[in-house]
């Protein structure tokens, strides 16, 4: 395979991964919205900004660990992406503190 074809295929797989991670963040945002939490997608669906109910810095949520976890607080906190409803509950409790 020539280098141009390989570069195109690499770009395609990264785009697919990005779309899948973006879809995971959309599902989490929807669950947070159902709980009354203000959350918005940012940067081409590569991050979710979750606003605290009180004034303060928002919490940034990313998909990490190969798509296995939602992570926040410098990846010190995480929850499996297979459970967006559970992640939304954990995040809602986290920002309420």
PDB file of N, CA and C in Angstrom:
ATOM      1  N   UNK A   1       0.858  -1.174   0.000  1.00  0.00           N
ATOM      2  CA  UNK A   1       0.000   0.000   0.000  1.00  0.00           C
ATOM      3  C   UNK A   1       0.903   1.236   0.000  1.00  0.00           C
ATOM      4  N   UNK A   2       0.590   2.188  -0.863  1.00  0.00           N
ATOM      5  CA  UNK A   2       1.434   3.377  -0.910  1.00  0.00           C
ATOM      6  C   UNK A   2       1.127   4.313   0.252  1.00  0.00           C
ATOM      7  N   UNK A   3       2.004   5.262   0.469  1.00  0.00           N
ATOM      8  CA  UNK A   3       1.895   6.146   1.634  1.00  0.00           C
ATOM      9  C   UNK A   3       0.657   7.040   1.571  1.00  0.00           C
ATOM     10  N   UNK A   4       0.226   7.425   0.389  1.00  0.00           N
ATOM     11  CA  UNK A   4      -0.959   8.277   0.268  1.00  0.00           C
ATOM     12  C   UNK A   4      -2.209   7.490   0.662  1.00  0.00           C
ATOM     13  N   UNK A   5      -2.310   6.262   0.197  1.00  0.00           N
ATOM     14  CA  UNK A   5      -3.447   5.424   0.555  1.00  0.00           C
ATOM     15  C   UNK A   5      -3.453   5.149   2.055  1.00  0.00           C
ATOM     16  N   UNK A   6      -2.299   4.861   2.630  1.00  0.00           N
ATOM     17  CA  UNK A   6      -2.207   4.603   4.067  1.00  0.00           C
ATOM     18  C   UNK A   6      -2.619   5.825   4.873  1.00  0.00           C
ATOM     19  N   UNK A   7      -2.174   6.997   4.466  1.00  0.00           N
ATOM     20  CA  UNK A   7      -2.542   8.231   5.171  1.00  0.00           C
ATOM     21  C   UNK A   7      -4.047   8.457   5.109  1.00  0.00           C
ATOM     22  N   UNK A   8      -4.651   8.187   3.952  1.00  0.00           N
ATOM     23  CA  UNK A   8      -6.098   8.352   3.815  1.00  0.00           C
ATOM     24  C   UNK A   8      -6.836   7.380   4.724  1.00  0.00           C
ATOM     25  N   UNK A   9      -6.393   6.134   4.772  1.00  0.00           N
ATOM     26  CA  UNK A   9      -7.032   5.147   5.641  1.00  0.00           C
ATOM     27  C   UNK A   9      -6.860   5.496   7.109  1.00  0.00           C
ATOM     28  N   UNK A  10      -5.689   5.980   7.482  1.00  0.00           N
ATOM     29  CA  UNK A  10      -5.471   6.405   8.869  1.00  0.00           C
ATOM     30  C   UNK A  10      -6.399   7.551   9.225  1.00  0.00           C
ATOM     31  N   UNK A  11      -6.555   8.504   8.335  1.00  0.00           N
ATOM     32  CA  UNK A  11      -7.466   9.627   8.584  1.00  0.00           C
ATOM     33  C   UNK A  11      -8.900   9.166   8.720  1.00  0.00           C
ATOM     34  N   UNK A  12      -9.303   8.170   7.906  1.00  0.00           N
ATOM     35  CA  UNK A  12     -10.659   7.636   7.985  1.00  0.00           C
ATOM     36  C   UNK A  12     -10.909   6.968   9.322  1.00  0.00           C
ATOM     37  N   UNK A  13      -9.971   6.145   9.787  1.00  0.00           N
ATOM     38  CA  UNK A  13     -10.189   5.445  11.051  1.00  0.00           C
ATOM     39  C   UNK A  13     -10.234   6.429  12.217  1.00  0.00           C
ATOM     40  N   UNK A  14      -9.433   7.460  12.176  1.00  0.00           N
ATOM     41  CA  UNK A  14      -9.482   8.459  13.242  1.00  0.00           C
ATOM     42  C   UNK A  14     -10.820   9.183  13.223  1.00  0.00           C
ATOM     43  N   UNK A  15     -11.329   9.476  12.042  1.00  0.00           N
ATOM     44  CA  UNK A  15     -12.620  10.141  11.947  1.00  0.00           C
ATOM     45  C   UNK A  15     -13.723   9.258  12.502  1.00  0.00           C
ATOM     46  N   UNK A  16     -13.664   7.958  12.195  1.00  0.00           N
ATOM     47  CA  UNK A  16     -14.674   7.040  12.707  1.00  0.00           C
ATOM     48  C   UNK A  16     -14.598   6.974  14.225  1.00  0.00           C
ATOM     49  N   UNK A  17     -13.386   6.884  14.780  1.00  0.00           N
ATOM     50  CA  UNK A  17     -13.226   6.877  16.234  1.00  0.00           C
ATOM     51  C   UNK A  17     -13.760   8.165  16.842  1.00  0.00           C
ATOM     52  N   UNK A  18     -13.448   9.281  16.217  1.00  0.00           N
ATOM     53  CA  UNK A  18     -13.925  10.567  16.720  1.00  0.00           C
ATOM     54  C   UNK A  18     -15.442  10.630  16.702  1.00  0.00           C
ATOM     55  N   UNK A  19     -16.047  10.120  15.628  1.00  0.00           N
ATOM     56  CA  UNK A  19     -17.513  10.110  15.553  1.00  0.00           C
ATOM     57  C   UNK A  19     -18.098   9.227  16.650  1.00  0.00           C
ATOM     58  N   UNK A  20     -17.508   8.063  16.876  1.00  0.00           N
ATOM     59  CA  UNK A  20     -18.012   7.166  17.915  1.00  0.00           C
ATOM     60  C   UNK A  20     -17.903   7.809  19.293  1.00  0.00           C
ATOM     61  N   UNK A  21     -16.775   8.445  19.567  1.00  0.00           N
ATOM     62  CA  UNK A  21     -16.604   9.129  20.853  1.00  0.00           C
ATOM     63  C   UNK A  21     -17.569  10.297  20.962  1.00  0.00           C
ATOM     64  N   UNK A  22     -17.776  11.014  19.869  1.00  0.00           N
ATOM     65  CA  UNK A  22     -18.743  12.107  19.861  1.00  0.00           C
ATOM     66  C   UNK A  22     -20.148  11.600  20.148  1.00  0.00           C
ATOM     67  N   UNK A  23     -20.506  10.450  19.563  1.00  0.00           N
ATOM     68  CA  UNK A  23     -21.819   9.860  19.827  1.00  0.00           C
ATOM     69  C   UNK A  23     -21.971   9.487  21.301  1.00  0.00           C
ATOM     70  N   UNK A  24     -20.892   9.000  21.912  1.00  0.00           N
ATOM     71  CA  UNK A  24     -20.930   8.665  23.340  1.00  0.00           C
ATOM     72  C   UNK A  24     -21.183   9.916  24.172  1.00  0.00           C
ATOM     73  N   UNK A  25     -20.539  11.023  23.796  1.00  0.00           N
ATOM     74  CA  UNK A  25     -20.739  12.277  24.521  1.00  0.00           C
ATOM     75  C   UNK A  25     -22.145  12.822  24.300  1.00  0.00           C
ATOM     76  N   UNK A  26     -22.702  12.636  23.112  1.00  0.00           N
ATOM     77  CA  UNK A  26     -24.083  13.061  22.854  1.00  0.00           C
ATOM     78  C   UNK A  26     -25.041  12.291  23.758  1.00  0.00           C
ATOM     79  N   UNK A  27     -24.836  10.982  23.880  1.00  0.00           N
ATOM     80  CA  UNK A  27     -25.699  10.174  24.760  1.00  0.00           C
ATOM     81  C   UNK A  27     -25.597  10.649  26.211  1.00  0.00           C
ATOM     82  N   UNK A  28     -24.385  10.955  26.653  1.00  0.00           N
ATOM     83  CA  UNK A  28     -24.206  11.448  28.023  1.00  0.00           C
ATOM     84  C   UNK A  28     -24.888  12.805  28.194  1.00  0.00           C
ATOM     85  N   UNK A  29     -24.692  13.689  27.224  1.00  0.00           N
ATOM     86  CA  UNK A  29     -25.343  15.006  27.304  1.00  0.00           C
ATOM     87  C   UNK A  29     -26.853  14.863  27.404  1.00  0.00           C
ATOM     88  N   UNK A  30     -27.421  13.972  26.603  1.00  0.00           N
ATOM     89  CA  UNK A  30     -28.871  13.774  26.634  1.00  0.00           C
ATOM     90  C   UNK A  30     -29.337  13.284  27.997  1.00  0.00           C
ATOM     91  N   UNK A  31     -28.580  12.380  28.608  1.00  0.00           N
ATOM     92  CA  UNK A  31     -28.955  11.878  29.943  1.00  0.00           C
ATOM     93  C   UNK A  31     -28.831  12.981  30.988  1.00  0.00           C
ATOM     94  N   UNK A  32     -27.784  13.799  30.873  1.00  0.00           N
ATOM     95  CA  UNK A  32     -27.623  14.918  31.809  1.00  0.00           C
ATOM     96  C   UNK A  32     -28.763  15.915  31.659  1.00  0.00           C
ATOM     97  N   UNK A  33     -29.139  16.198  30.432  1.00  0.00           N
ATOM     98  CA  UNK A  33     -30.245  17.126  30.175  1.00  0.00           C
ATOM     99  C   UNK A  33     -31.536  16.594  30.790  1.00  0.00           C
ATOM    100  N   UNK A  34     -31.758  15.281  30.675  1.00  0.00           N
ATOM    101  CA  UNK A  34     -32.934  14.667  31.300  1.00  0.00           C
ATOM    102  C   UNK A  34     -32.950  14.881  32.808  1.00  0.00           C
ATOM    103  N   UNK A  35     -31.763  14.981  33.411  1.00  0.00           N
ATOM    104  CA  UNK A  35     -31.654  15.218  34.857  1.00  0.00           C
ATOM    105  C   UNK A  35     -31.696  16.702  35.210  1.00  0.00           C
ATOM    106  N   UNK A  36     -31.798  17.562  34.208  1.00  0.00           N
ATOM    107  CA  UNK A  36     -31.835  19.001  34.455  1.00  0.00           C
ATOM    108  C   UNK A  36     -30.463  19.634  34.570  1.00  0.00           C
ATOM    109  N   UNK A  37     -29.427  18.937  34.139  1.00  0.00           N
ATOM    110  CA  UNK A  37     -28.062  19.455  34.202  1.00  0.00           C
ATOM    111  C   UNK A  37     -27.731  20.141  32.877  1.00  0.00           C
ATOM    112  N   UNK A  38     -27.166  21.333  32.968  1.00  0.00           N
ATOM    113  CA  UNK A  38     -26.780  22.089  31.775  1.00  0.00           C
ATOM    114  C   UNK A  38     -25.436  21.572  31.268  1.00  0.00           C
ATOM    115  N   UNK A  39     -25.461  20.947  30.092  1.00  0.00           N
ATOM    116  CA  UNK A  39     -24.244  20.412  29.485  1.00  0.00           C
ATOM    117  C   UNK A  39     -24.285  20.717  27.995  1.00  0.00           C
ATOM    118  N   UNK A  40     -23.120  21.063  27.443  1.00  0.00           N
ATOM    119  CA  UNK A  40     -23.069  21.366  26.016  1.00  0.00           C
ATOM    120  C   UNK A  40     -21.834  20.758  25.373  1.00  0.00           C
ATOM    121  N   UNK A  41     -22.034  20.280  24.160  1.00  0.00           N
ATOM    122  CA  UNK A  41     -20.925  19.707  23.397  1.00  0.00           C
ATOM    123  C   UNK A  41     -20.029  20.818  22.899  1.00  0.00           C
ATOM    124  N   UNK A  42     -18.745  20.555  22.868  1.00  0.00           N
ATOM    125  CA  UNK A  42     -17.763  21.541  22.434  1.00  0.00           C
ATOM    126  C   UNK A  42     -16.791  20.899  21.459  1.00  0.00           C
ATOM    127  N   UNK A  43     -16.082  21.723  20.726  1.00  0.00           N
ATOM    128  CA  UNK A  43     -14.965  21.270  19.888  1.00  0.00           C
ATOM    129  C   UNK A  43     -15.297  20.052  19.034  1.00  0.00           C
ATOM    130  N   UNK A  44     -16.273  20.207  18.147  1.00  0.00           N
ATOM    131  CA  UNK A  44     -16.646  19.127  17.229  1.00  0.00           C
ATOM    132  C   UNK A  44     -17.004  17.831  17.952  1.00  0.00           C
ATOM    133  N   UNK A  45     -17.721  17.954  19.034  1.00  0.00           N
ATOM    134  CA  UNK A  45     -18.167  16.816  19.843  1.00  0.00           C
ATOM    135  C   UNK A  45     -17.016  16.033  20.469  1.00  0.00           C
ATOM    136  N   UNK A  46     -15.883  16.674  20.672  1.00  0.00           N
ATOM    137  CA  UNK A  46     -14.750  15.985  21.288  1.00  0.00           C
ATOM    138  C   UNK A  46     -14.710  16.181  22.796  1.00  0.00           C
ATOM    139  N   UNK A  47     -15.576  17.041  23.322  1.00  0.00           N
ATOM    140  CA  UNK A  47     -15.614  17.300  24.758  1.00  0.00           C
ATOM    141  C   UNK A  47     -17.019  17.739  25.149  1.00  0.00           C
ATOM    142  N   UNK A  48     -17.353  17.496  26.391  1.00  0.00           N
ATOM    143  CA  UNK A  48     -18.638  17.912  26.935  1.00  0.00           C
ATOM    144  C   UNK A  48     -18.360  18.843  28.108  1.00  0.00           C
ATOM    145  N   UNK A  49     -18.941  20.034  28.059  1.00  0.00           N
ATOM    146  CA  UNK A  49     -18.774  20.987  29.140  1.00  0.00           C
ATOM    147  C   UNK A  49     -20.029  20.925  30.009  1.00  0.00           C
ATOM    148  N   UNK A  50     -19.843  20.562  31.269  1.00  0.00           N
ATOM    149  CA  UNK A  50     -20.948  20.410  32.214  1.00  0.00           C
ATOM    150  C   UNK A  50     -20.881  21.570  33.198  1.00  0.00           C
ATOM    151  N   UNK A  51     -21.940  22.363  33.208  1.00  0.00           N
ATOM    152  CA  UNK A  51     -21.984  23.544  34.073  1.00  0.00           C
ATOM    153  C   UNK A  51     -22.463  23.169  35.469  1.00  0.00           C
ATOM    154  N   UNK A  52     -21.821  23.757  36.457  1.00  0.00           N
ATOM    155  CA  UNK A  52     -22.238  23.556  37.841  1.00  0.00           C
ATOM    156  C   UNK A  52     -23.470  24.423  38.106  1.00  0.00           C
ATOM    157  N   UNK A  53     -24.321  24.006  39.050  1.00  0.00           N
ATOM    158  CA  UNK A  53     -25.508  24.810  39.349  1.00  0.00           C
ATOM    159  C   UNK A  53     -25.150  26.153  39.991  1.00  0.00           C
ATOM    160  N   UNK A  54     -24.068  26.198  40.721  1.00  0.00           N
ATOM    161  CA  UNK A  54     -23.591  27.435  41.338  1.00  0.00           C
ATOM    162  C   UNK A  54     -22.504  28.024  40.446  1.00  0.00           C
ATOM    163  N   UNK A  55     -22.255  29.306  40.540  1.00  0.00           N
ATOM    164  CA  UNK A  55     -21.159  29.868  39.740  1.00  0.00           C
ATOM    165  C   UNK A  55     -19.847  29.154  40.035  1.00  0.00           C
ATOM    166  N   UNK A  56     -19.089  28.943  39.017  1.00  0.00           N
ATOM    167  CA  UNK A  56     -17.808  28.264  39.169  1.00  0.00           C
ATOM    168  C   UNK A  56     -17.354  27.691  37.845  1.00  0.00           C
ATOM    169  N   UNK A  57     -16.227  27.061  37.875  1.00  0.00           N
ATOM    170  CA  UNK A  57     -15.668  26.481  36.666  1.00  0.00           C
ATOM    171  C   UNK A  57     -16.467  25.247  36.246  1.00  0.00           C
ATOM    172  N   UNK A  58     -16.723  25.104  34.960  1.00  0.00           N
ATOM    173  CA  UNK A  58     -17.430  23.903  34.507  1.00  0.00           C
ATOM    174  C   UNK A  58     -16.531  22.677  34.581  1.00  0.00           C
ATOM    175  N   UNK A  59     -17.137  21.534  34.462  1.00  0.00           N
ATOM    176  CA  UNK A  59     -16.416  20.266  34.429  1.00  0.00           C
ATOM    177  C   UNK A  59     -16.349  19.827  32.968  1.00  0.00           C
ATOM    178  N   UNK A  60     -15.147  19.510  32.513  1.00  0.00           N
ATOM    179  CA  UNK A  60     -14.948  19.043  31.148  1.00  0.00           C
ATOM    180  C   UNK A  60     -14.904  17.524  31.161  1.00  0.00           C
ATOM    181  N   UNK A  61     -15.697  16.908  30.291  1.00  0.00           N
ATOM    182  CA  UNK A  61     -15.773  15.451  30.203  1.00  0.00           C
ATOM    183  C   UNK A  61     -15.285  15.036  28.825  1.00  0.00           C
ATOM    184  N   UNK A  62     -14.465  14.011  28.810  1.00  0.00           N
ATOM    185  CA  UNK A  62     -13.909  13.466  27.576  1.00  0.00           C
ATOM    186  C   UNK A  62     -14.148  11.962  27.552  1.00  0.00           C
ATOM    187  N   UNK A  63     -14.046  11.386  26.380  1.00  0.00           N
ATOM    188  CA  UNK A  63     -14.040   9.932  26.254  1.00  0.00           C
ATOM    189  C   UNK A  63     -12.581   9.524  26.156  1.00  0.00           C
ATOM    190  N   UNK A  64     -12.171   8.610  27.016  1.00  0.00           N
ATOM    191  CA  UNK A  64     -10.777   8.190  27.035  1.00  0.00           C
ATOM    192  C   UNK A  64     -10.644   6.691  27.174  1.00  0.00           C
ATOM    193  N   UNK A  65      -9.419   6.268  27.355  1.00  0.00           N
ATOM    194  CA  UNK A  65      -9.101   4.859  27.546  1.00  0.00           C
ATOM    195  C   UNK A  65      -9.629   4.008  26.396  1.00  0.00           C
ATOM    196  N   UNK A  66      -9.372   4.487  25.174  1.00  0.00           N
ATOM    197  CA  UNK A  66      -9.783   3.737  23.993  1.00  0.00           C
ATOM    198  C   UNK A  66     -11.285   3.673  23.802  1.00  0.00           C
ATOM    199  N   UNK A  67     -12.002   4.667  24.330  1.00  0.00           N
ATOM    200  CA  UNK A  67     -13.452   4.695  24.202  1.00  0.00           C
ATOM    201  C   UNK A  67     -14.178   3.952  25.304  1.00  0.00           C
ATOM    202  N   UNK A  68     -13.466   3.471  26.286  1.00  0.00           N
ATOM    203  CA  UNK A  68     -14.079   2.669  27.345  1.00  0.00           C
ATOM    204  C   UNK A  68     -14.699   3.494  28.469  1.00  0.00           C
ATOM    205  N   UNK A  69     -14.196   4.712  28.683  1.00  0.00           N
ATOM    206  CA  UNK A  69     -14.640   5.502  29.837  1.00  0.00           C
ATOM    207  C   UNK A  69     -14.902   6.956  29.483  1.00  0.00           C
ATOM    208  N   UNK A  70     -15.904   7.526  30.167  1.00  0.00           N
ATOM    209  CA  UNK A  70     -16.022   8.977  30.259  1.00  0.00           C
ATOM    210  C   UNK A  70     -15.049   9.363  31.358  1.00  0.00           C
ATOM    211  N   UNK A  71     -14.296  10.424  31.171  1.00  0.00           N
ATOM    212  CA  UNK A  71     -13.369  10.832  32.228  1.00  0.00           C
ATOM    213  C   UNK A  71     -13.449  12.336  32.434  1.00  0.00           C
ATOM    214  N   UNK A  72     -13.196  12.744  33.660  1.00  0.00           N
ATOM    215  CA  UNK A  72     -13.184  14.161  34.028  1.00  0.00           C
ATOM    216  C   UNK A  72     -12.250  14.338  35.204  1.00  0.00           C
ATOM    217  N   UNK A  73     -12.018  15.573  35.575  1.00  0.00           N
ATOM    218  CA  UNK A  73     -11.082  15.951  36.628  1.00  0.00           C
ATOM    219  C   UNK A  73      -9.718  15.310  36.372  1.00  0.00           C
ATOM    220  N   UNK A  74      -9.134  15.671  35.211  1.00  0.00           N
ATOM    221  CA  UNK A  74      -7.820  15.163  34.806  1.00  0.00           C
ATOM    222  C   UNK A  74      -7.761  13.636  34.830  1.00  0.00           C
ATOM    223  N   UNK A  75      -8.855  13.013  34.437  1.00  0.00           N
ATOM    224  CA  UNK A  75      -8.988  11.554  34.364  1.00  0.00           C
ATOM    225  C   UNK A  75      -8.902  10.886  35.737  1.00  0.00           C
ATOM    226  N   UNK A  76      -9.013  11.667  36.816  1.00  0.00           N
ATOM    227  CA  UNK A  76      -9.053  11.072  38.150  1.00  0.00           C
ATOM    228  C   UNK A  76     -10.417  10.436  38.414  1.00  0.00           C
ATOM    229  N   UNK A  77     -11.426  10.945  37.729  1.00  0.00           N
ATOM    230  CA  UNK A  77     -12.776  10.400  37.834  1.00  0.00           C
ATOM    231  C   UNK A  77     -13.149   9.804  36.492  1.00  0.00           C
ATOM    232  N   UNK A  78     -13.805   8.649  36.489  1.00  0.00           N
ATOM    233  CA  UNK A  78     -14.236   8.053  35.235  1.00  0.00           C
ATOM    234  C   UNK A  78     -15.401   7.105  35.476  1.00  0.00           C
ATOM    235  N   UNK A  79     -16.108   6.833  34.368  1.00  0.00           N
ATOM    236  CA  UNK A  79     -17.266   5.946  34.411  1.00  0.00           C
ATOM    237  C   UNK A  79     -17.377   5.267  33.050  1.00  0.00           C
ATOM    238  N   UNK A  80     -17.761   3.999  32.990  1.00  0.00           N
ATOM    239  CA  UNK A  80     -17.822   3.292  31.709  1.00  0.00           C
ATOM    240  C   UNK A  80     -18.779   3.950  30.708  1.00  0.00           C
ATOM    241  N   UNK A  81     -18.340   4.042  29.462  1.00  0.00           N
ATOM    242  CA  UNK A  81     -19.186   4.615  28.411  1.00  0.00           C
ATOM    243  C   UNK A  81     -20.368   3.715  28.089  1.00  0.00           C
ATOM    244  N   UNK A  82     -20.315   2.466  28.509  1.00  0.00           N
ATOM    245  CA  UNK A  82     -21.440   1.548  28.284  1.00  0.00           C
ATOM    246  C   UNK A  82     -22.632   1.876  29.180  1.00  0.00           C
ATOM    247  N   UNK A  83     -22.461   2.809  30.110  1.00  0.00           N
ATOM    248  CA  UNK A  83     -23.514   3.182  31.058  1.00  0.00           C
ATOM    249  C   UNK A  83     -23.668   4.708  31.107  1.00  0.00           C
ATOM    250  N   UNK A  84     -24.200   5.325  30.026  1.00  0.00           N
ATOM    251  CA  UNK A  84     -24.323   6.787  30.042  1.00  0.00           C
ATOM    252  C   UNK A  84     -25.287   7.301  31.114  1.00  0.00           C
ATOM    253  N   UNK A  85     -26.339   6.546  31.417  1.00  0.00           N
ATOM    254  CA  UNK A  85     -27.271   6.982  32.457  1.00  0.00           C
ATOM    255  C   UNK A  85     -26.590   6.995  33.825  1.00  0.00           C
ATOM    256  N   UNK A  86     -25.807   5.962  34.110  1.00  0.00           N
ATOM    257  CA  UNK A  86     -25.067   5.925  35.369  1.00  0.00           C
ATOM    258  C   UNK A  86     -24.027   7.018  35.439  1.00  0.00           C
ATOM    259  N   UNK A  87     -23.351   7.274  34.316  1.00  0.00           N
ATOM    260  CA  UNK A  87     -22.361   8.352  34.282  1.00  0.00           C
ATOM    261  C   UNK A  87     -23.026   9.697  34.530  1.00  0.00           C
ATOM    262  N   UNK A  88     -24.213   9.893  33.965  1.00  0.00           N
ATOM    263  CA  UNK A  88     -24.934  11.146  34.173  1.00  0.00           C
ATOM    264  C   UNK A  88     -25.284  11.324  35.649  1.00  0.00           C
ATOM    265  N   UNK A  89     -25.706  10.253  36.297  1.00  0.00           N
ATOM    266  CA  UNK A  89     -26.029  10.336  37.728  1.00  0.00           C
ATOM    267  C   UNK A  89     -24.797  10.686  38.551  1.00  0.00           C
ATOM    268  N   UNK A  90     -23.675  10.036  38.241  1.00  0.00           N
ATOM    269  CA  UNK A  90     -22.433  10.306  38.972  1.00  0.00           C
ATOM    270  C   UNK A  90     -21.991  11.752  38.748  1.00  0.00           C
ATOM    271  N   UNK A  91     -22.055  12.213  37.512  1.00  0.00           N
ATOM    272  CA  UNK A  91     -21.667  13.595  37.211  1.00  0.00           C
ATOM    273  C   UNK A  91     -22.594  14.600  37.882  1.00  0.00           C
ATOM    274  N   UNK A  92     -23.881  14.323  37.878  1.00  0.00           N
ATOM    275  CA  UNK A  92     -24.846  15.239  38.530  1.00  0.00           C
ATOM    276  C   UNK A  92     -24.520  15.362  40.011  1.00  0.00           C
ATOM    277  N   UNK A  93     -24.203  14.253  40.659  1.00  0.00           N
ATOM    278  CA  UNK A  93     -23.811  14.302  42.072  1.00  0.00           C
ATOM    279  C   UNK A  93     -22.494  15.057  42.245  1.00  0.00           C
ATOM    280  N   UNK A  94     -21.564  14.820  41.339  1.00  0.00           N
ATOM    281  CA  UNK A  94     -20.243  15.446  41.416  1.00  0.00           C
ATOM    282  C   UNK A  94     -20.336  16.970  41.321  1.00  0.00           C
ATOM    283  N   UNK A  95     -21.115  17.475  40.382  1.00  0.00           N
ATOM    284  CA  UNK A  95     -21.192  18.934  40.221  1.00  0.00           C
ATOM    285  C   UNK A  95     -22.063  19.590  41.296  1.00  0.00           C
ATOM    286  N   UNK A  96     -22.875  18.809  41.977  1.00  0.00           N
ATOM    287  CA  UNK A  96     -23.737  19.365  43.022  1.00  0.00           C
ATOM    288  C   UNK A  96     -22.964  19.683  44.294  1.00  0.00           C
ATOM    289  N   UNK A  97     -21.746  19.170  44.414  1.00  0.00           N
ATOM    290  CA  UNK A  97     -20.946  19.413  45.635  1.00  0.00           C
ATOM    291  C   UNK A  97     -20.436  20.812  45.686  1.00  0.00           C
TER     292      UNK A  97
END
